[in-house]
Amino acid sequence: MTGENAQESTDLTAPENVERGEQVYDRITSGQCQNVTAELDAAYGHAPERG
């Protein structure tokens, strides 16, 4: 792949991922979440992109 970032997709419909997403959503709606991107990256095992 020339000039493209290979990105592994996450099945957001898998039961364990739905549960993780709900936990992050609950933190967002309750005001406990300071950084949505970081929380989602941590929940789904993605490393932050480097610029």
PDB file of N, CA and C in Angstrom:
ATOM      1  N   MET A   1       0.841  -1.178   0.000  1.00  0.00           N
ATOM      2  CA  MET A   1       0.000   0.000   0.000  1.00  0.00           C
ATOM      3  C   MET A   1       0.882   1.235   0.000  1.00  0.00           C
ATOM      4  N   THR A   2       0.768   1.986  -1.000  1.00  0.00           N
ATOM      5  CA  THR A   2       1.597   3.168  -1.102  1.00  0.00           C
ATOM      6  C   THR A   2       0.851   4.395  -0.601  1.00  0.00           C
ATOM      7  N   GLY A   3       1.406   5.040   0.423  1.00  0.00           N
ATOM      8  CA  GLY A   3       0.808   6.264   0.930  1.00  0.00           C
ATOM      9  C   GLY A   3      -0.498   6.086   1.686  1.00  0.00           C
ATOM     10  N   GLU A   4      -0.861   4.862   2.004  1.00  0.00           N
ATOM     11  CA  GLU A   4      -2.104   4.632   2.731  1.00  0.00           C
ATOM     12  C   GLU A   4      -1.792   4.063   4.103  1.00  0.00           C
ATOM     13  N   ASN A   5      -2.591   4.435   5.080  1.00  0.00           N
ATOM     14  CA  ASN A   5      -2.441   3.855   6.412  1.00  0.00           C
ATOM     15  C   ASN A   5      -3.291   2.604   6.492  1.00  0.00           C
ATOM     16  N   ALA A   6      -2.679   1.494   6.824  1.00  0.00           N
ATOM     17  CA  ALA A   6      -3.438   0.264   7.018  1.00  0.00           C
ATOM     18  C   ALA A   6      -4.128   0.377   8.373  1.00  0.00           C
ATOM     19  N   GLN A   7      -5.422   0.152   8.374  1.00  0.00           N
ATOM     20  CA  GLN A   7      -6.167   0.306   9.612  1.00  0.00           C
ATOM     21  C   GLN A   7      -6.995  -0.942   9.853  1.00  0.00           C
ATOM     22  N   GLU A   8      -6.807  -1.526  11.006  1.00  0.00           N
ATOM     23  CA  GLU A   8      -7.551  -2.715  11.362  1.00  0.00           C
ATOM     24  C   GLU A   8      -8.925  -2.287  11.852  1.00  0.00           C
ATOM     25  N   SER A   9      -9.970  -2.875  11.306  1.00  0.00           N
ATOM     26  CA  SER A   9     -11.312  -2.486  11.722  1.00  0.00           C
ATOM     27  C   SER A   9     -11.716  -3.247  12.976  1.00  0.00           C
ATOM     28  N   THR A  10     -12.583  -2.626  13.748  1.00  0.00           N
ATOM     29  CA  THR A  10     -13.103  -3.215  14.972  1.00  0.00           C
ATOM     30  C   THR A  10     -14.577  -3.490  14.773  1.00  0.00           C
ATOM     31  N   ASP A  11     -15.008  -4.694  15.091  1.00  0.00           N
ATOM     32  CA  ASP A  11     -16.420  -5.046  14.987  1.00  0.00           C
ATOM     33  C   ASP A  11     -17.156  -4.444  16.175  1.00  0.00           C
ATOM     34  N   LEU A  12     -17.785  -3.296  15.964  1.00  0.00           N
ATOM     35  CA  LEU A  12     -18.470  -2.606  17.044  1.00  0.00           C
ATOM     36  C   LEU A  12     -19.764  -3.291  17.451  1.00  0.00           C
ATOM     37  N   THR A  13     -20.187  -4.314  16.699  1.00  0.00           N
ATOM     38  CA  THR A  13     -21.416  -5.031  17.038  1.00  0.00           C
ATOM     39  C   THR A  13     -21.163  -6.263  17.892  1.00  0.00           C
ATOM     40  N   ALA A  14     -19.895  -6.598  18.110  1.00  0.00           N
ATOM     41  CA  ALA A  14     -19.564  -7.736  18.973  1.00  0.00           C
ATOM     42  C   ALA A  14     -19.990  -7.396  20.401  1.00  0.00           C
ATOM     43  N   PRO A  15     -20.577  -8.345  21.111  1.00  0.00           N
ATOM     44  CA  PRO A  15     -21.114  -8.061  22.452  1.00  0.00           C
ATOM     45  C   PRO A  15     -20.127  -7.376  23.407  1.00  0.00           C
ATOM     46  N   GLU A  16     -18.872  -7.820  23.399  1.00  0.00           N
ATOM     47  CA  GLU A  16     -17.909  -7.203  24.304  1.00  0.00           C
ATOM     48  C   GLU A  16     -17.609  -5.755  23.915  1.00  0.00           C
ATOM     49  N   ASN A  17     -17.642  -5.467  22.615  1.00  0.00           N
ATOM     50  CA  ASN A  17     -17.399  -4.098  22.170  1.00  0.00           C
ATOM     51  C   ASN A  17     -18.604  -3.200  22.427  1.00  0.00           C
ATOM     52  N   VAL A  18     -19.802  -3.762  22.340  1.00  0.00           N
ATOM     53  CA  VAL A  18     -21.006  -2.996  22.674  1.00  0.00           C
ATOM     54  C   VAL A  18     -20.944  -2.585  24.140  1.00  0.00           C
ATOM     55  N   GLU A  19     -20.555  -3.523  24.999  1.00  0.00           N
ATOM     56  CA  GLU A  19     -20.457  -3.221  26.430  1.00  0.00           C
ATOM     57  C   GLU A  19     -19.420  -2.137  26.697  1.00  0.00           C
ATOM     58  N   ARG A  20     -18.278  -2.233  26.037  1.00  0.00           N
ATOM     59  CA  ARG A  20     -17.237  -1.201  26.205  1.00  0.00           C
ATOM     60  C   ARG A  20     -17.753   0.162  25.758  1.00  0.00           C
ATOM     61  N   GLY A  21     -18.425   0.176  24.628  1.00  0.00           N
ATOM     62  CA  GLY A  21     -18.964   1.429  24.111  1.00  0.00           C
ATOM     63  C   GLY A  21     -19.996   2.034  25.046  1.00  0.00           C
ATOM     64  N   GLU A  22     -20.829   1.200  25.640  1.00  0.00           N
ATOM     65  CA  GLU A  22     -21.824   1.688  26.587  1.00  0.00           C
ATOM     66  C   GLU A  22     -21.165   2.281  27.833  1.00  0.00           C
ATOM     67  N   GLN A  23     -20.082   1.666  28.272  1.00  0.00           N
ATOM     68  CA  GLN A  23     -19.364   2.192  29.440  1.00  0.00           C
ATOM     69  C   GLN A  23     -18.774   3.565  29.134  1.00  0.00           C
ATOM     70  N   VAL A  24     -18.188   3.723  27.959  1.00  0.00           N
ATOM     71  CA  VAL A  24     -17.631   5.019  27.569  1.00  0.00           C
ATOM     72  C   VAL A  24     -18.759   6.036  27.423  1.00  0.00           C
ATOM     73  N   TYR A  25     -19.858   5.628  26.799  1.00  0.00           N
ATOM     74  CA  TYR A  25     -21.010   6.529  26.630  1.00  0.00           C
ATOM     75  C   TYR A  25     -21.520   7.015  27.989  1.00  0.00           C
ATOM     76  N   ASP A  26     -21.618   6.094  28.939  1.00  0.00           N
ATOM     77  CA  ASP A  26     -22.074   6.465  30.279  1.00  0.00           C
ATOM     78  C   ASP A  26     -21.135   7.492  30.911  1.00  0.00           C
ATOM     79  N   ARG A  27     -19.831   7.313  30.711  1.00  0.00           N
ATOM     80  CA  ARG A  27     -18.868   8.279  31.249  1.00  0.00           C
ATOM     81  C   ARG A  27     -18.995   9.631  30.557  1.00  0.00           C
ATOM     82  N   ILE A  28     -19.261   9.624  29.266  1.00  0.00           N
ATOM     83  CA  ILE A  28     -19.420  10.879  28.519  1.00  0.00           C
ATOM     84  C   ILE A  28     -20.662  11.624  29.015  1.00  0.00           C
ATOM     85  N   THR A  29     -21.793  10.921  29.092  1.00  0.00           N
ATOM     86  CA  THR A  29     -23.051  11.577  29.456  1.00  0.00           C
ATOM     87  C   THR A  29     -23.089  12.007  30.924  1.00  0.00           C
ATOM     88  N   SER A  30     -22.283  11.366  31.773  1.00  0.00           N
ATOM     89  CA  SER A  30     -22.256  11.745  33.186  1.00  0.00           C
ATOM     90  C   SER A  30     -21.248  12.862  33.459  1.00  0.00           C
ATOM     91  N   GLY A  31     -20.454  13.225  32.453  1.00  0.00           N
ATOM     92  CA  GLY A  31     -19.469  14.288  32.618  1.00  0.00           C
ATOM     93  C   GLY A  31     -18.146  13.818  33.190  1.00  0.00           C
ATOM     94  N   GLN A  32     -17.952  12.495  33.322  1.00  0.00           N
ATOM     95  CA  GLN A  32     -16.706  11.969  33.880  1.00  0.00           C
ATOM     96  C   GLN A  32     -15.608  11.854  32.838  1.00  0.00           C
ATOM     97  N   CYS A  33     -15.952  11.903  31.577  1.00  0.00           N
ATOM     98  CA  CYS A  33     -14.990  11.705  30.496  1.00  0.00           C
ATOM     99  C   CYS A  33     -14.318  13.034  30.135  1.00  0.00           C
ATOM    100  N   GLN A  34     -13.009  13.078  30.245  1.00  0.00           N
ATOM    101  CA  GLN A  34     -12.247  14.284  29.927  1.00  0.00           C
ATOM    102  C   GLN A  34     -11.805  14.322  28.466  1.00  0.00           C
ATOM    103  N   ASN A  35     -11.526  13.149  27.887  1.00  0.00           N
ATOM    104  CA  ASN A  35     -11.008  13.076  26.523  1.00  0.00           C
ATOM    105  C   ASN A  35     -11.679  11.901  25.817  1.00  0.00           C
ATOM    106  N   VAL A  36     -12.687  12.203  25.019  1.00  0.00           N
ATOM    107  CA  VAL A  36     -13.486  11.160  24.363  1.00  0.00           C
ATOM    108  C   VAL A  36     -12.621  10.279  23.469  1.00  0.00           C
ATOM    109  N   THR A  37     -11.765  10.876  22.675  1.00  0.00           N
ATOM    110  CA  THR A  37     -10.927  10.114  21.758  1.00  0.00           C
ATOM    111  C   THR A  37     -10.034   9.135  22.515  1.00  0.00           C
ATOM    112  N   ALA A  38      -9.418   9.606  23.578  1.00  0.00           N
ATOM    113  CA  ALA A  38      -8.539   8.740  24.368  1.00  0.00           C
ATOM    114  C   ALA A  38      -9.324   7.601  25.015  1.00  0.00           C
ATOM    115  N   GLU A  39     -10.510   7.896  25.489  1.00  0.00           N
ATOM    116  CA  GLU A  39     -11.345   6.864  26.126  1.00  0.00           C
ATOM    117  C   GLU A  39     -11.737   5.795  25.104  1.00  0.00           C
ATOM    118  N   LEU A  40     -12.146   6.223  23.924  1.00  0.00           N
ATOM    119  CA  LEU A  40     -12.544   5.261  22.894  1.00  0.00           C
ATOM    120  C   LEU A  40     -11.351   4.451  22.408  1.00  0.00           C
ATOM    121  N   ASP A  41     -10.205   5.100  22.239  1.00  0.00           N
ATOM    122  CA  ASP A  41      -9.000   4.381  21.834  1.00  0.00           C
ATOM    123  C   ASP A  41      -8.646   3.316  22.869  1.00  0.00           C
ATOM    124  N   ALA A  42      -8.731   3.677  24.138  1.00  0.00           N
ATOM    125  CA  ALA A  42      -8.405   2.738  25.207  1.00  0.00           C
ATOM    126  C   ALA A  42      -9.420   1.595  25.250  1.00  0.00           C
ATOM    127  N   ALA A  43     -10.685   1.909  25.048  1.00  0.00           N
ATOM    128  CA  ALA A  43     -11.730   0.889  25.119  1.00  0.00           C
ATOM    129  C   ALA A  43     -11.601  -0.145  24.008  1.00  0.00           C
ATOM    130  N   TYR A  44     -11.199   0.307  22.837  1.00  0.00           N
ATOM    131  CA  TYR A  44     -11.144  -0.600  21.689  1.00  0.00           C
ATOM    132  C   TYR A  44      -9.729  -1.017  21.314  1.00  0.00           C
ATOM    133  N   GLY A  45      -8.745  -0.637  22.142  1.00  0.00           N
ATOM    134  CA  GLY A  45      -7.380  -1.115  21.944  1.00  0.00           C
ATOM    135  C   GLY A  45      -6.639  -0.476  20.793  1.00  0.00           C
ATOM    136  N   HIS A  46      -6.982   0.749  20.452  1.00  0.00           N
ATOM    137  CA  HIS A  46      -6.279   1.442  19.379  1.00  0.00           C
ATOM    138  C   HIS A  46      -5.280   2.413  19.975  1.00  0.00           C
ATOM    139  N   ALA A  47      -4.120   2.480  19.374  1.00  0.00           N
ATOM    140  CA  ALA A  47      -3.110   3.440  19.812  1.00  0.00           C
ATOM    141  C   ALA A  47      -3.399   4.774  19.157  1.00  0.00           C
ATOM    142  N   PRO A  48      -3.128   5.857  19.856  1.00  0.00           N
ATOM    143  CA  PRO A  48      -3.348   7.182  19.247  1.00  0.00           C
ATOM    144  C   PRO A  48      -2.446   7.375  18.034  1.00  0.00           C
ATOM    145  N   GLU A  49      -2.964   8.079  17.050  1.00  0.00           N
ATOM    146  CA  GLU A  49      -2.181   8.340  15.828  1.00  0.00           C
ATOM    147  C   GLU A  49      -1.116   9.378  16.118  1.00  0.00           C
ATOM    148  N   ARG A  50      -0.002   9.197  15.485  1.00  0.00           N
ATOM    149  CA  ARG A  50       1.077  10.169  15.628  1.00  0.00           C
ATOM    150  C   ARG A  50       1.104  11.038  14.396  1.00  0.00           C
ATOM    151  N   GLY A  51       1.281  12.334  14.614  1.00  0.00           N
ATOM    152  CA  GLY A  51       1.237  13.269  13.509  1.00  0.00           C
ATOM    153  C   GLY A  51       2.496  13.671  12.980  1.00  0.00           C
TER     154      GLY A  51
END
